[in-house]
């Protein structure tokens, strides 16, 4: 699975948080409100283009400006990252044990429910 750089992650967080299709200008405005130095629209468009090539976003070309949506949810992305890390471990049981040992009681209860 391709990884996300810092700026790519910020763009994806904006799309995930919105829940709707956004233009590059919408994303630029949102990122500007969260940062001390605003990004150029061309920078946001470049990041969106990279994310589209990596399969993270889908571009809606029906109207101008184009709008972008996340291909998968944040939860789907995080689950895929966890699965990738687990898949790279020589001792998956040890990794799972370490993970489970660090969860809160509420998270442990959620895991029990999901596994039953």
PDB file of N, CA and C in Angstrom:
ATOM      1  N   UNK A   1       0.839  -1.171   0.000  1.00  0.00           N
ATOM      2  CA  UNK A   1       0.000   0.000   0.000  1.00  0.00           C
ATOM      3  C   UNK A   1       0.885   1.235   0.000  1.00  0.00           C
ATOM      4  N   UNK A   2       0.594   2.192  -0.864  1.00  0.00           N
ATOM      5  CA  UNK A   2       1.387   3.420  -0.869  1.00  0.00           C
ATOM      6  C   UNK A   2       1.227   4.176   0.448  1.00  0.00           C
ATOM      7  N   UNK A   3       2.272   4.849   0.838  1.00  0.00           N
ATOM      8  CA  UNK A   3       2.219   5.621   2.075  1.00  0.00           C
ATOM      9  C   UNK A   3       1.842   7.065   1.773  1.00  0.00           C
ATOM     10  N   UNK A   4       1.460   7.764   2.816  1.00  0.00           N
ATOM     11  CA  UNK A   4       1.080   9.166   2.688  1.00  0.00           C
ATOM     12  C   UNK A   4       2.153  10.047   3.311  1.00  0.00           C
ATOM     13  N   UNK A   5       2.555  11.080   2.564  1.00  0.00           N
ATOM     14  CA  UNK A   5       3.430  12.088   3.121  1.00  0.00           C
ATOM     15  C   UNK A   5       2.626  13.024   4.020  1.00  0.00           C
ATOM     16  N   UNK A   6       3.299  13.954   4.664  1.00  0.00           N
ATOM     17  CA  UNK A   6       2.646  14.867   5.606  1.00  0.00           C
ATOM     18  C   UNK A   6       1.551  15.699   4.939  1.00  0.00           C
ATOM     19  N   UNK A   7       1.851  16.268   3.787  1.00  0.00           N
ATOM     20  CA  UNK A   7       0.870  17.090   3.085  1.00  0.00           C
ATOM     21  C   UNK A   7      -0.255  16.235   2.504  1.00  0.00           C
ATOM     22  N   UNK A   8       0.097  15.061   1.991  1.00  0.00           N
ATOM     23  CA  UNK A   8      -0.927  14.145   1.485  1.00  0.00           C
ATOM     24  C   UNK A   8      -1.879  13.744   2.609  1.00  0.00           C
ATOM     25  N   UNK A   9      -1.326  13.502   3.769  1.00  0.00           N
ATOM     26  CA  UNK A   9      -2.148  13.133   4.927  1.00  0.00           C
ATOM     27  C   UNK A   9      -3.090  14.272   5.303  1.00  0.00           C
ATOM     28  N   UNK A  10      -2.594  15.512   5.267  1.00  0.00           N
ATOM     29  CA  UNK A  10      -3.422  16.667   5.597  1.00  0.00           C
ATOM     30  C   UNK A  10      -4.578  16.798   4.604  1.00  0.00           C
ATOM     31  N   UNK A  11      -4.300  16.572   3.326  1.00  0.00           N
ATOM     32  CA  UNK A  11      -5.349  16.640   2.293  1.00  0.00           C
ATOM     33  C   UNK A  11      -6.357  15.515   2.515  1.00  0.00           C
ATOM     34  N   UNK A  12      -5.875  14.305   2.783  1.00  0.00           N
ATOM     35  CA  UNK A  12      -6.786  13.189   3.022  1.00  0.00           C
ATOM     36  C   UNK A  12      -7.623  13.424   4.274  1.00  0.00           C
ATOM     37  N   UNK A  13      -7.024  13.957   5.321  1.00  0.00           N
ATOM     38  CA  UNK A  13      -7.790  14.257   6.536  1.00  0.00           C
ATOM     39  C   UNK A  13      -8.909  15.255   6.237  1.00  0.00           C
ATOM     40  N   UNK A  14      -8.620  16.233   5.403  1.00  0.00           N
ATOM     41  CA  UNK A  14      -9.633  17.212   5.016  1.00  0.00           C
ATOM     42  C   UNK A  14     -10.775  16.538   4.262  1.00  0.00           C
ATOM     43  N   UNK A  15     -10.439  15.659   3.321  1.00  0.00           N
ATOM     44  CA  UNK A  15     -11.480  14.948   2.577  1.00  0.00           C
ATOM     45  C   UNK A  15     -12.268  14.012   3.486  1.00  0.00           C
ATOM     46  N   UNK A  16     -11.590  13.271   4.334  1.00  0.00           N
ATOM     47  CA  UNK A  16     -12.276  12.350   5.240  1.00  0.00           C
ATOM     48  C   UNK A  16     -13.191  13.109   6.198  1.00  0.00           C
ATOM     49  N   UNK A  17     -12.714  14.231   6.714  1.00  0.00           N
ATOM     50  CA  UNK A  17     -13.513  15.005   7.659  1.00  0.00           C
ATOM     51  C   UNK A  17     -14.739  15.632   7.009  1.00  0.00           C
ATOM     52  N   UNK A  18     -14.626  15.978   5.729  1.00  0.00           N
ATOM     53  CA  UNK A  18     -15.733  16.662   5.056  1.00  0.00           C
ATOM     54  C   UNK A  18     -16.892  15.724   4.744  1.00  0.00           C
ATOM     55  N   UNK A  19     -16.564  14.517   4.303  1.00  0.00           N
ATOM     56  CA  UNK A  19     -17.602  13.573   3.926  1.00  0.00           C
ATOM     57  C   UNK A  19     -18.273  13.877   2.603  1.00  0.00           C
ATOM     58  N   UNK A  20     -17.849  14.925   1.924  1.00  0.00           N
ATOM     59  CA  UNK A  20     -18.411  15.299   0.621  1.00  0.00           C
ATOM     60  C   UNK A  20     -17.267  15.582  -0.349  1.00  0.00           C
ATOM     61  N   UNK A  21     -17.617  15.655  -1.631  1.00  0.00           N
ATOM     62  CA  UNK A  21     -16.613  15.986  -2.646  1.00  0.00           C
ATOM     63  C   UNK A  21     -16.190  17.444  -2.491  1.00  0.00           C
ATOM     64  N   UNK A  22     -14.890  17.684  -2.581  1.00  0.00           N
ATOM     65  CA  UNK A  22     -14.338  19.036  -2.439  1.00  0.00           C
ATOM     66  C   UNK A  22     -13.466  19.378  -3.630  1.00  0.00           C
ATOM     67  N   UNK A  23     -13.451  20.649  -3.963  1.00  0.00           N
ATOM     68  CA  UNK A  23     -12.528  21.131  -4.996  1.00  0.00           C
ATOM     69  C   UNK A  23     -11.174  21.392  -4.335  1.00  0.00           C
ATOM     70  N   UNK A  24     -10.160  21.561  -5.156  1.00  0.00           N
ATOM     71  CA  UNK A  24      -8.836  21.901  -4.635  1.00  0.00           C
ATOM     72  C   UNK A  24      -8.886  23.219  -3.867  1.00  0.00           C
ATOM     73  N   UNK A  25      -9.732  24.129  -4.310  1.00  0.00           N
ATOM     74  CA  UNK A  25      -9.856  25.425  -3.642  1.00  0.00           C
ATOM     75  C   UNK A  25     -10.511  25.276  -2.273  1.00  0.00           C
ATOM     76  N   UNK A  26     -11.488  24.368  -2.168  1.00  0.00           N
ATOM     77  CA  UNK A  26     -12.097  24.081  -0.868  1.00  0.00           C
ATOM     78  C   UNK A  26     -11.044  23.529   0.090  1.00  0.00           C
ATOM     79  N   UNK A  27     -10.249  22.596  -0.411  1.00  0.00           N
ATOM     80  CA  UNK A  27      -9.206  21.981   0.409  1.00  0.00           C
ATOM     81  C   UNK A  27      -8.159  23.015   0.792  1.00  0.00           C
ATOM     82  N   UNK A  28      -7.779  23.848  -0.154  1.00  0.00           N
ATOM     83  CA  UNK A  28      -6.799  24.904   0.101  1.00  0.00           C
ATOM     84  C   UNK A  28      -7.289  25.824   1.220  1.00  0.00           C
ATOM     85  N   UNK A  29      -8.554  26.220   1.158  1.00  0.00           N
ATOM     86  CA  UNK A  29      -9.116  27.110   2.178  1.00  0.00           C
ATOM     87  C   UNK A  29      -9.125  26.436   3.551  1.00  0.00           C
ATOM     88  N   UNK A  30      -9.486  25.167   3.597  1.00  0.00           N
ATOM     89  CA  UNK A  30      -9.513  24.446   4.870  1.00  0.00           C
ATOM     90  C   UNK A  30      -8.115  24.317   5.452  1.00  0.00           C
ATOM     91  N   UNK A  31      -7.153  23.970   4.608  1.00  0.00           N
ATOM     92  CA  UNK A  31      -5.776  23.832   5.090  1.00  0.00           C
ATOM     93  C   UNK A  31      -5.212  25.173   5.538  1.00  0.00           C
ATOM     94  N   UNK A  32      -5.600  26.251   4.870  1.00  0.00           N
ATOM     95  CA  UNK A  32      -5.117  27.584   5.240  1.00  0.00           C
ATOM     96  C   UNK A  32      -5.619  27.979   6.624  1.00  0.00           C
ATOM     97  N   UNK A  33      -6.824  27.548   6.965  1.00  0.00           N
ATOM     98  CA  UNK A  33      -7.364  27.900   8.280  1.00  0.00           C
ATOM     99  C   UNK A  33      -6.659  27.133   9.397  1.00  0.00           C
ATOM    100  N   UNK A  34      -5.993  26.029   9.051  1.00  0.00           N
ATOM    101  CA  UNK A  34      -5.307  25.203  10.041  1.00  0.00           C
ATOM    102  C   UNK A  34      -3.795  25.441  10.079  1.00  0.00           C
ATOM    103  N   UNK A  35      -3.272  26.280   9.191  1.00  0.00           N
ATOM    104  CA  UNK A  35      -1.815  26.441   9.093  1.00  0.00           C
ATOM    105  C   UNK A  35      -1.429  27.910   9.133  1.00  0.00           C
ATOM    106  N   UNK A  36      -0.191  28.138   9.500  1.00  0.00           N
ATOM    107  CA  UNK A  36       0.304  29.517   9.542  1.00  0.00           C
ATOM    108  C   UNK A  36       0.684  30.015   8.153  1.00  0.00           C
ATOM    109  N   UNK A  37       1.055  29.102   7.263  1.00  0.00           N
ATOM    110  CA  UNK A  37       1.458  29.484   5.908  1.00  0.00           C
ATOM    111  C   UNK A  37       0.524  28.819   4.904  1.00  0.00           C
ATOM    112  N   UNK A  38      -0.291  29.623   4.198  1.00  0.00           N
ATOM    113  CA  UNK A  38      -1.221  29.017   3.232  1.00  0.00           C
ATOM    114  C   UNK A  38      -0.492  28.380   2.052  1.00  0.00           C
ATOM    115  N   UNK A  39      -1.120  27.352   1.493  1.00  0.00           N
ATOM    116  CA  UNK A  39      -0.566  26.661   0.330  1.00  0.00           C
ATOM    117  C   UNK A  39      -1.116  27.265  -0.946  1.00  0.00           C
ATOM    118  N   UNK A  40      -0.332  27.215  -1.999  1.00  0.00           N
ATOM    119  CA  UNK A  40      -0.805  27.644  -3.312  1.00  0.00           C
ATOM    120  C   UNK A  40      -1.776  26.603  -3.846  1.00  0.00           C
ATOM    121  N   UNK A  41      -2.735  27.051  -4.633  1.00  0.00           N
ATOM    122  CA  UNK A  41      -3.711  26.129  -5.236  1.00  0.00           C
ATOM    123  C   UNK A  41      -3.000  25.085  -6.085  1.00  0.00           C
ATOM    124  N   UNK A  42      -1.937  25.483  -6.773  1.00  0.00           N
ATOM    125  CA  UNK A  42      -1.209  24.528  -7.615  1.00  0.00           C
ATOM    126  C   UNK A  42      -0.572  23.423  -6.774  1.00  0.00           C
ATOM    127  N   UNK A  43      -0.145  23.758  -5.571  1.00  0.00           N
ATOM    128  CA  UNK A  43       0.427  22.751  -4.671  1.00  0.00           C
ATOM    129  C   UNK A  43      -0.638  21.733  -4.284  1.00  0.00           C
ATOM    130  N   UNK A  44      -1.823  22.217  -3.936  1.00  0.00           N
ATOM    131  CA  UNK A  44      -2.924  21.319  -3.564  1.00  0.00           C
ATOM    132  C   UNK A  44      -3.302  20.446  -4.755  1.00  0.00           C
ATOM    133  N   UNK A  45      -3.356  21.030  -5.946  1.00  0.00           N
ATOM    134  CA  UNK A  45      -3.683  20.250  -7.148  1.00  0.00           C
ATOM    135  C   UNK A  45      -2.636  19.170  -7.417  1.00  0.00           C
ATOM    136  N   UNK A  46      -1.378  19.493  -7.200  1.00  0.00           N
ATOM    137  CA  UNK A  46      -0.304  18.509  -7.378  1.00  0.00           C
ATOM    138  C   UNK A  46      -0.463  17.354  -6.394  1.00  0.00           C
ATOM    139  N   UNK A  47      -0.752  17.685  -5.152  1.00  0.00           N
ATOM    140  CA  UNK A  47      -0.951  16.648  -4.132  1.00  0.00           C
ATOM    141  C   UNK A  47      -2.148  15.781  -4.502  1.00  0.00           C
ATOM    142  N   UNK A  48      -3.244  16.395  -4.939  1.00  0.00           N
ATOM    143  CA  UNK A  48      -4.428  15.642  -5.341  1.00  0.00           C
ATOM    144  C   UNK A  48      -4.130  14.728  -6.528  1.00  0.00           C
ATOM    145  N   UNK A  49      -3.330  15.211  -7.448  1.00  0.00           N
ATOM    146  CA  UNK A  49      -2.948  14.391  -8.599  1.00  0.00           C
ATOM    147  C   UNK A  49      -2.162  13.168  -8.136  1.00  0.00           C
ATOM    148  N   UNK A  50      -1.231  13.366  -7.209  1.00  0.00           N
ATOM    149  CA  UNK A  50      -0.453  12.248  -6.667  1.00  0.00           C
ATOM    150  C   UNK A  50      -1.352  11.249  -5.947  1.00  0.00           C
ATOM    151  N   UNK A  51      -2.290  11.787  -5.164  1.00  0.00           N
ATOM    152  CA  UNK A  51      -3.210  10.919  -4.431  1.00  0.00           C
ATOM    153  C   UNK A  51      -4.113  10.131  -5.376  1.00  0.00           C
ATOM    154  N   UNK A  52      -4.485  10.751  -6.484  1.00  0.00           N
ATOM    155  CA  UNK A  52      -5.299  10.048  -7.476  1.00  0.00           C
ATOM    156  C   UNK A  52      -4.499   8.900  -8.100  1.00  0.00           C
ATOM    157  N   UNK A  53      -3.236   9.147  -8.420  1.00  0.00           N
ATOM    158  CA  UNK A  53      -2.381   8.106  -9.000  1.00  0.00           C
ATOM    159  C   UNK A  53      -2.146   6.964  -8.018  1.00  0.00           C
ATOM    160  N   UNK A  54      -2.093   7.276  -6.725  1.00  0.00           N
ATOM    161  CA  UNK A  54      -1.890   6.258  -5.697  1.00  0.00           C
ATOM    162  C   UNK A  54      -3.181   5.512  -5.368  1.00  0.00           C
ATOM    163  N   UNK A  55      -4.303   6.003  -5.880  1.00  0.00           N
ATOM    164  CA  UNK A  55      -5.572   5.329  -5.641  1.00  0.00           C
ATOM    165  C   UNK A  55      -6.309   5.763  -4.387  1.00  0.00           C
ATOM    166  N   UNK A  56      -5.920   6.882  -3.811  1.00  0.00           N
ATOM    167  CA  UNK A  56      -6.566   7.359  -2.598  1.00  0.00           C
ATOM    168  C   UNK A  56      -7.787   8.233  -2.868  1.00  0.00           C
ATOM    169  N   UNK A  57      -7.776   8.962  -3.982  1.00  0.00           N
ATOM    170  CA  UNK A  57      -8.894   9.856  -4.293  1.00  0.00           C
ATOM    171  C   UNK A  57      -9.424   9.588  -5.690  1.00  0.00           C
ATOM    172  N   UNK A  58     -10.664   9.986  -5.864  1.00  0.00           N
ATOM    173  CA  UNK A  58     -11.327   9.892  -7.171  1.00  0.00           C
ATOM    174  C   UNK A  58     -11.706  11.326  -7.562  1.00  0.00           C
ATOM    175  N   UNK A  59     -11.436  11.643  -8.818  1.00  0.00           N
ATOM    176  CA  UNK A  59     -11.755  12.986  -9.314  1.00  0.00           C
ATOM    177  C   UNK A  59     -13.074  12.939 -10.066  1.00  0.00           C
ATOM    178  N   UNK A  60     -13.978  13.843  -9.726  1.00  0.00           N
ATOM    179  CA  UNK A  60     -15.241  13.996 -10.438  1.00  0.00           C
ATOM    180  C   UNK A  60     -15.039  15.077 -11.494  1.00  0.00           C
ATOM    181  N   UNK A  61     -15.117  14.689 -12.735  1.00  0.00           N
ATOM    182  CA  UNK A  61     -14.798  15.590 -13.839  1.00  0.00           C
ATOM    183  C   UNK A  61     -16.031  16.219 -14.480  1.00  0.00           C
ATOM    184  N   UNK A  62     -17.203  16.001 -13.885  1.00  0.00           N
ATOM    185  CA  UNK A  62     -18.456  16.484 -14.476  1.00  0.00           C
ATOM    186  C   UNK A  62     -18.528  18.002 -14.585  1.00  0.00           C
ATOM    187  N   UNK A  63     -17.909  18.680 -13.667  1.00  0.00           N
ATOM    188  CA  UNK A  63     -17.993  20.141 -13.640  1.00  0.00           C
ATOM    189  C   UNK A  63     -16.642  20.724 -13.274  1.00  0.00           C
ATOM    190  N   UNK A  64     -16.520  22.014 -13.476  1.00  0.00           N
ATOM    191  CA  UNK A  64     -15.306  22.736 -13.091  1.00  0.00           C
ATOM    192  C   UNK A  64     -15.631  23.628 -11.916  1.00  0.00           C
ATOM    193  N   UNK A  65     -14.797  23.770 -10.934  1.00  0.00           N
ATOM    194  CA  UNK A  65     -13.573  22.994 -10.777  1.00  0.00           C
ATOM    195  C   UNK A  65     -13.889  21.544 -10.414  1.00  0.00           C
ATOM    196  N   UNK A  66     -12.961  20.667 -10.776  1.00  0.00           N
ATOM    197  CA  UNK A  66     -13.140  19.250 -10.446  1.00  0.00           C
ATOM    198  C   UNK A  66     -13.258  19.093  -8.934  1.00  0.00           C
ATOM    199  N   UNK A  67     -13.977  18.084  -8.546  1.00  0.00           N
ATOM    200  CA  UNK A  67     -14.146  17.779  -7.126  1.00  0.00           C
ATOM    201  C   UNK A  67     -13.530  16.414  -6.842  1.00  0.00           C
ATOM    202  N   UNK A  68     -13.067  16.262  -5.631  1.00  0.00           N
ATOM    203  CA  UNK A  68     -12.355  15.050  -5.231  1.00  0.00           C
ATOM    204  C   UNK A  68     -13.034  14.414  -4.021  1.00  0.00           C
ATOM    205  N   UNK A  69     -13.048  13.096  -4.011  1.00  0.00           N
ATOM    206  CA  UNK A  69     -13.557  12.333  -2.874  1.00  0.00           C
ATOM    207  C   UNK A  69     -12.553  11.244  -2.522  1.00  0.00           C
ATOM    208  N   UNK A  70     -12.569  10.852  -1.268  1.00  0.00           N
ATOM    209  CA  UNK A  70     -11.725   9.744  -0.824  1.00  0.00           C
ATOM    210  C   UNK A  70     -12.301   8.440  -1.373  1.00  0.00           C
ATOM    211  N   UNK A  71     -11.447   7.568  -1.866  1.00  0.00           N
ATOM    212  CA  UNK A  71     -11.874   6.271  -2.401  1.00  0.00           C
ATOM    213  C   UNK A  71     -12.325   5.362  -1.258  1.00  0.00           C
ATOM    214  N   UNK A  72     -11.643   5.423  -0.132  1.00  0.00           N
ATOM    215  CA  UNK A  72     -11.965   4.585   1.027  1.00  0.00           C
ATOM    216  C   UNK A  72     -12.051   5.472   2.265  1.00  0.00           C
ATOM    217  N   UNK A  73     -12.683   4.967   3.281  1.00  0.00           N
ATOM    218  CA  UNK A  73     -12.804   5.710   4.527  1.00  0.00           C
ATOM    219  C   UNK A  73     -11.474   5.730   5.282  1.00  0.00           C
ATOM    220  N   UNK A  74     -11.387   6.612   6.254  1.00  0.00           N
ATOM    221  CA  UNK A  74     -10.201   6.672   7.109  1.00  0.00           C
ATOM    222  C   UNK A  74     -10.029   5.332   7.831  1.00  0.00           C
ATOM    223  N   UNK A  75     -11.132   4.759   8.319  1.00  0.00           N
ATOM    224  CA  UNK A  75     -11.058   3.479   9.024  1.00  0.00           C
ATOM    225  C   UNK A  75     -10.523   2.381   8.109  1.00  0.00           C
ATOM    226  N   UNK A  76     -10.970   2.370   6.847  1.00  0.00           N
ATOM    227  CA  UNK A  76     -10.464   1.385   5.887  1.00  0.00           C
ATOM    228  C   UNK A  76      -8.961   1.549   5.692  1.00  0.00           C
ATOM    229  N   UNK A  77      -8.526   2.796   5.560  1.00  0.00           N
ATOM    230  CA  UNK A  77      -7.104   3.074   5.357  1.00  0.00           C
ATOM    231  C   UNK A  77      -6.287   2.618   6.568  1.00  0.00           C
ATOM    232  N   UNK A  78      -6.755   2.958   7.764  1.00  0.00           N
ATOM    233  CA  UNK A  78      -6.021   2.587   8.965  1.00  0.00           C
ATOM    234  C   UNK A  78      -5.975   1.062   9.140  1.00  0.00           C
ATOM    235  N   UNK A  79      -7.080   0.395   8.838  1.00  0.00           N
ATOM    236  CA  UNK A  79      -7.103  -1.065   8.936  1.00  0.00           C
ATOM    237  C   UNK A  79      -6.106  -1.686   7.958  1.00  0.00           C
ATOM    238  N   UNK A  80      -6.024  -1.128   6.757  1.00  0.00           N
ATOM    239  CA  UNK A  80      -5.070  -1.636   5.761  1.00  0.00           C
ATOM    240  C   UNK A  80      -3.630  -1.435   6.239  1.00  0.00           C
ATOM    241  N   UNK A  81      -3.352  -0.281   6.862  1.00  0.00           N
ATOM    242  CA  UNK A  81      -2.011  -0.047   7.409  1.00  0.00           C
ATOM    243  C   UNK A  81      -1.684  -1.051   8.509  1.00  0.00           C
ATOM    244  N   UNK A  82      -2.652  -1.321   9.384  1.00  0.00           N
ATOM    245  CA  UNK A  82      -2.430  -2.283  10.461  1.00  0.00           C
ATOM    246  C   UNK A  82      -2.179  -3.677   9.889  1.00  0.00           C
ATOM    247  N   UNK A  83      -2.959  -4.050   8.889  1.00  0.00           N
ATOM    248  CA  UNK A  83      -2.794  -5.360   8.266  1.00  0.00           C
ATOM    249  C   UNK A  83      -1.421  -5.457   7.586  1.00  0.00           C
ATOM    250  N   UNK A  84      -0.994  -4.374   6.948  1.00  0.00           N
ATOM    251  CA  UNK A  84       0.312  -4.369   6.283  1.00  0.00           C
ATOM    252  C   UNK A  84       1.437  -4.544   7.293  1.00  0.00           C
ATOM    253  N   UNK A  85       1.360  -3.848   8.409  1.00  0.00           N
ATOM    254  CA  UNK A  85       2.384  -3.963   9.449  1.00  0.00           C
ATOM    255  C   UNK A  85       2.387  -5.377  10.013  1.00  0.00           C
ATOM    256  N   UNK A  86       1.226  -5.904  10.288  1.00  0.00           N
ATOM    257  CA  UNK A  86       1.128  -7.257  10.823  1.00  0.00           C
ATOM    258  C   UNK A  86       1.674  -8.284   9.831  1.00  0.00           C
ATOM    259  N   UNK A  87       1.398  -8.065   8.555  1.00  0.00           N
ATOM    260  CA  UNK A  87       1.879  -8.976   7.527  1.00  0.00           C
ATOM    261  C   UNK A  87       3.380  -8.982   7.391  1.00  0.00           C
ATOM    262  N   UNK A  88       4.036  -7.903   7.788  1.00  0.00           N
ATOM    263  CA  UNK A  88       5.483  -7.817   7.693  1.00  0.00           C
ATOM    264  C   UNK A  88       6.214  -8.379   8.902  1.00  0.00           C
ATOM    265  N   UNK A  89       5.465  -8.821   9.893  1.00  0.00           N
ATOM    266  CA  UNK A  89       6.079  -9.318  11.124  1.00  0.00           C
ATOM    267  C   UNK A  89       6.428 -10.794  10.984  1.00  0.00           C
ATOM    268  N   UNK A  90       7.576 -11.169  11.512  1.00  0.00           N
ATOM    269  CA  UNK A  90       7.960 -12.582  11.509  1.00  0.00           C
ATOM    270  C   UNK A  90       7.123 -13.359  12.516  1.00  0.00           C
ATOM    271  N   UNK A  91       6.828 -12.727  13.647  1.00  0.00           N
ATOM    272  CA  UNK A  91       6.043 -13.371  14.700  1.00  0.00           C
ATOM    273  C   UNK A  91       4.765 -12.570  14.910  1.00  0.00           C
ATOM    274  N   UNK A  92       3.761 -12.905  14.130  1.00  0.00           N
ATOM    275  CA  UNK A  92       2.495 -12.168  14.178  1.00  0.00           C
ATOM    276  C   UNK A  92       1.839 -12.259  15.548  1.00  0.00           C
ATOM    277  N   UNK A  93       1.963 -13.400  16.192  1.00  0.00           N
ATOM    278  CA  UNK A  93       1.359 -13.578  17.514  1.00  0.00           C
ATOM    279  C   UNK A  93       1.975 -12.615  18.520  1.00  0.00           C
ATOM    280  N   UNK A  94       3.290 -12.451  18.463  1.00  0.00           N
ATOM    281  CA  UNK A  94       3.966 -11.534  19.385  1.00  0.00           C
ATOM    282  C   UNK A  94       3.517 -10.092  19.139  1.00  0.00           C
ATOM    283  N   UNK A  95       3.365  -9.721  17.875  1.00  0.00           N
ATOM    284  CA  UNK A  95       2.918  -8.363  17.544  1.00  0.00           C
ATOM    285  C   UNK A  95       1.494  -8.147  18.045  1.00  0.00           C
ATOM    286  N   UNK A  96       0.626  -9.128  17.800  1.00  0.00           N
ATOM    287  CA  UNK A  96      -0.756  -9.019  18.274  1.00  0.00           C
ATOM    288  C   UNK A  96      -0.809  -8.945  19.801  1.00  0.00           C
ATOM    289  N   UNK A  97       0.001  -9.748  20.473  1.00  0.00           N
ATOM    290  CA  UNK A  97       0.020  -9.736  21.935  1.00  0.00           C
ATOM    291  C   UNK A  97       0.469  -8.374  22.454  1.00  0.00           C
ATOM    292  N   UNK A  98       1.466  -7.819  21.818  1.00  0.00           N
ATOM    293  CA  UNK A  98       1.956  -6.497  22.236  1.00  0.00           C
ATOM    294  C   UNK A  98       0.888  -5.435  22.015  1.00  0.00           C
ATOM    295  N   UNK A  99       0.211  -5.512  20.876  1.00  0.00           N
ATOM    296  CA  UNK A  99      -0.854  -4.562  20.563  1.00  0.00           C
ATOM    297  C   UNK A  99      -1.983  -4.673  21.586  1.00  0.00           C
ATOM    298  N   UNK A 100      -2.459  -5.882  21.802  1.00  0.00           N
ATOM    299  CA  UNK A 100      -3.574  -6.101  22.724  1.00  0.00           C
ATOM    300  C   UNK A 100      -3.190  -5.677  24.144  1.00  0.00           C
ATOM    301  N   UNK A 101      -1.942  -5.863  24.504  1.00  0.00           N
ATOM    302  CA  UNK A 101      -1.479  -5.462  25.830  1.00  0.00           C
ATOM    303  C   UNK A 101      -1.476  -3.962  26.047  1.00  0.00           C
ATOM    304  N   UNK A 102      -1.580  -3.197  24.975  1.00  0.00           N
ATOM    305  CA  UNK A 102      -1.529  -1.738  25.091  1.00  0.00           C
ATOM    306  C   UNK A 102      -2.877  -1.057  24.894  1.00  0.00           C
ATOM    307  N   UNK A 103      -3.927  -1.826  24.628  1.00  0.00           N
ATOM    308  CA  UNK A 103      -5.234  -1.208  24.412  1.00  0.00           C
ATOM    309  C   UNK A 103      -5.905  -0.909  25.751  1.00  0.00           C
ATOM    310  N   UNK A 104      -6.830   0.013  25.728  1.00  0.00           N
ATOM    311  CA  UNK A 104      -7.583   0.359  26.932  1.00  0.00           C
ATOM    312  C   UNK A 104      -8.611  -0.732  27.211  1.00  0.00           C
ATOM    313  N   UNK A 105      -9.154  -0.770  28.396  1.00  0.00           N
ATOM    314  CA  UNK A 105     -10.207  -1.754  28.680  1.00  0.00           C
ATOM    315  C   UNK A 105     -11.407  -1.632  27.735  1.00  0.00           C
ATOM    316  N   UNK A 106     -11.781  -0.431  27.384  1.00  0.00           N
ATOM    317  CA  UNK A 106     -12.905  -0.236  26.449  1.00  0.00           C
ATOM    318  C   UNK A 106     -12.563  -0.786  25.068  1.00  0.00           C
ATOM    319  N   UNK A 107     -11.313  -0.563  24.623  1.00  0.00           N
ATOM    320  CA  UNK A 107     -10.886  -1.108  23.331  1.00  0.00           C
ATOM    321  C   UNK A 107     -10.821  -2.631  23.374  1.00  0.00           C
ATOM    322  N   UNK A 108     -10.388  -3.180  24.502  1.00  0.00           N
ATOM    323  CA  UNK A 108     -10.334  -4.643  24.649  1.00  0.00           C
ATOM    324  C   UNK A 108     -11.739  -5.229  24.576  1.00  0.00           C
ATOM    325  N   UNK A 109     -12.702  -4.561  25.193  1.00  0.00           N
ATOM    326  CA  UNK A 109     -14.087  -5.031  25.135  1.00  0.00           C
ATOM    327  C   UNK A 109     -14.616  -4.965  23.704  1.00  0.00           C
ATOM    328  N   UNK A 110     -14.279  -3.904  22.989  1.00  0.00           N
ATOM    329  CA  UNK A 110     -14.699  -3.792  21.590  1.00  0.00           C
ATOM    330  C   UNK A 110     -14.092  -4.918  20.756  1.00  0.00           C
ATOM    331  N   UNK A 111     -12.833  -5.238  20.999  1.00  0.00           N
ATOM    332  CA  UNK A 111     -12.186  -6.349  20.277  1.00  0.00           C
ATOM    333  C   UNK A 111     -12.877  -7.677  20.585  1.00  0.00           C
ATOM    334  N   UNK A 112     -13.215  -7.899  21.868  1.00  0.00           N
ATOM    335  CA  UNK A 112     -13.913  -9.141  22.232  1.00  0.00           C
ATOM    336  C   UNK A 112     -15.233  -9.264  21.480  1.00  0.00           C
ATOM    337  N   UNK A 113     -15.964  -8.185  21.409  1.00  0.00           N
ATOM    338  CA  UNK A 113     -17.253  -8.200  20.707  1.00  0.00           C
ATOM    339  C   UNK A 113     -17.064  -8.453  19.221  1.00  0.00           C
ATOM    340  N   UNK A 114     -16.056  -7.839  18.632  1.00  0.00           N
ATOM    341  CA  UNK A 114     -15.803  -8.020  17.208  1.00  0.00           C
ATOM    342  C   UNK A 114     -15.360  -9.447  16.880  1.00  0.00           C
ATOM    343  N   UNK A 115     -14.640 -10.072  17.775  1.00  0.00           N
ATOM    344  CA  UNK A 115     -14.128 -11.417  17.539  1.00  0.00           C
ATOM    345  C   UNK A 115     -15.157 -12.508  17.818  1.00  0.00           C
ATOM    346  N   UNK A 116     -16.210 -12.186  18.552  1.00  0.00           N
ATOM    347  CA  UNK A 116     -17.210 -13.225  18.854  1.00  0.00           C
ATOM    348  C   UNK A 116     -18.330 -13.262  17.832  1.00  0.00           C
TER     349      UNK A 116
END
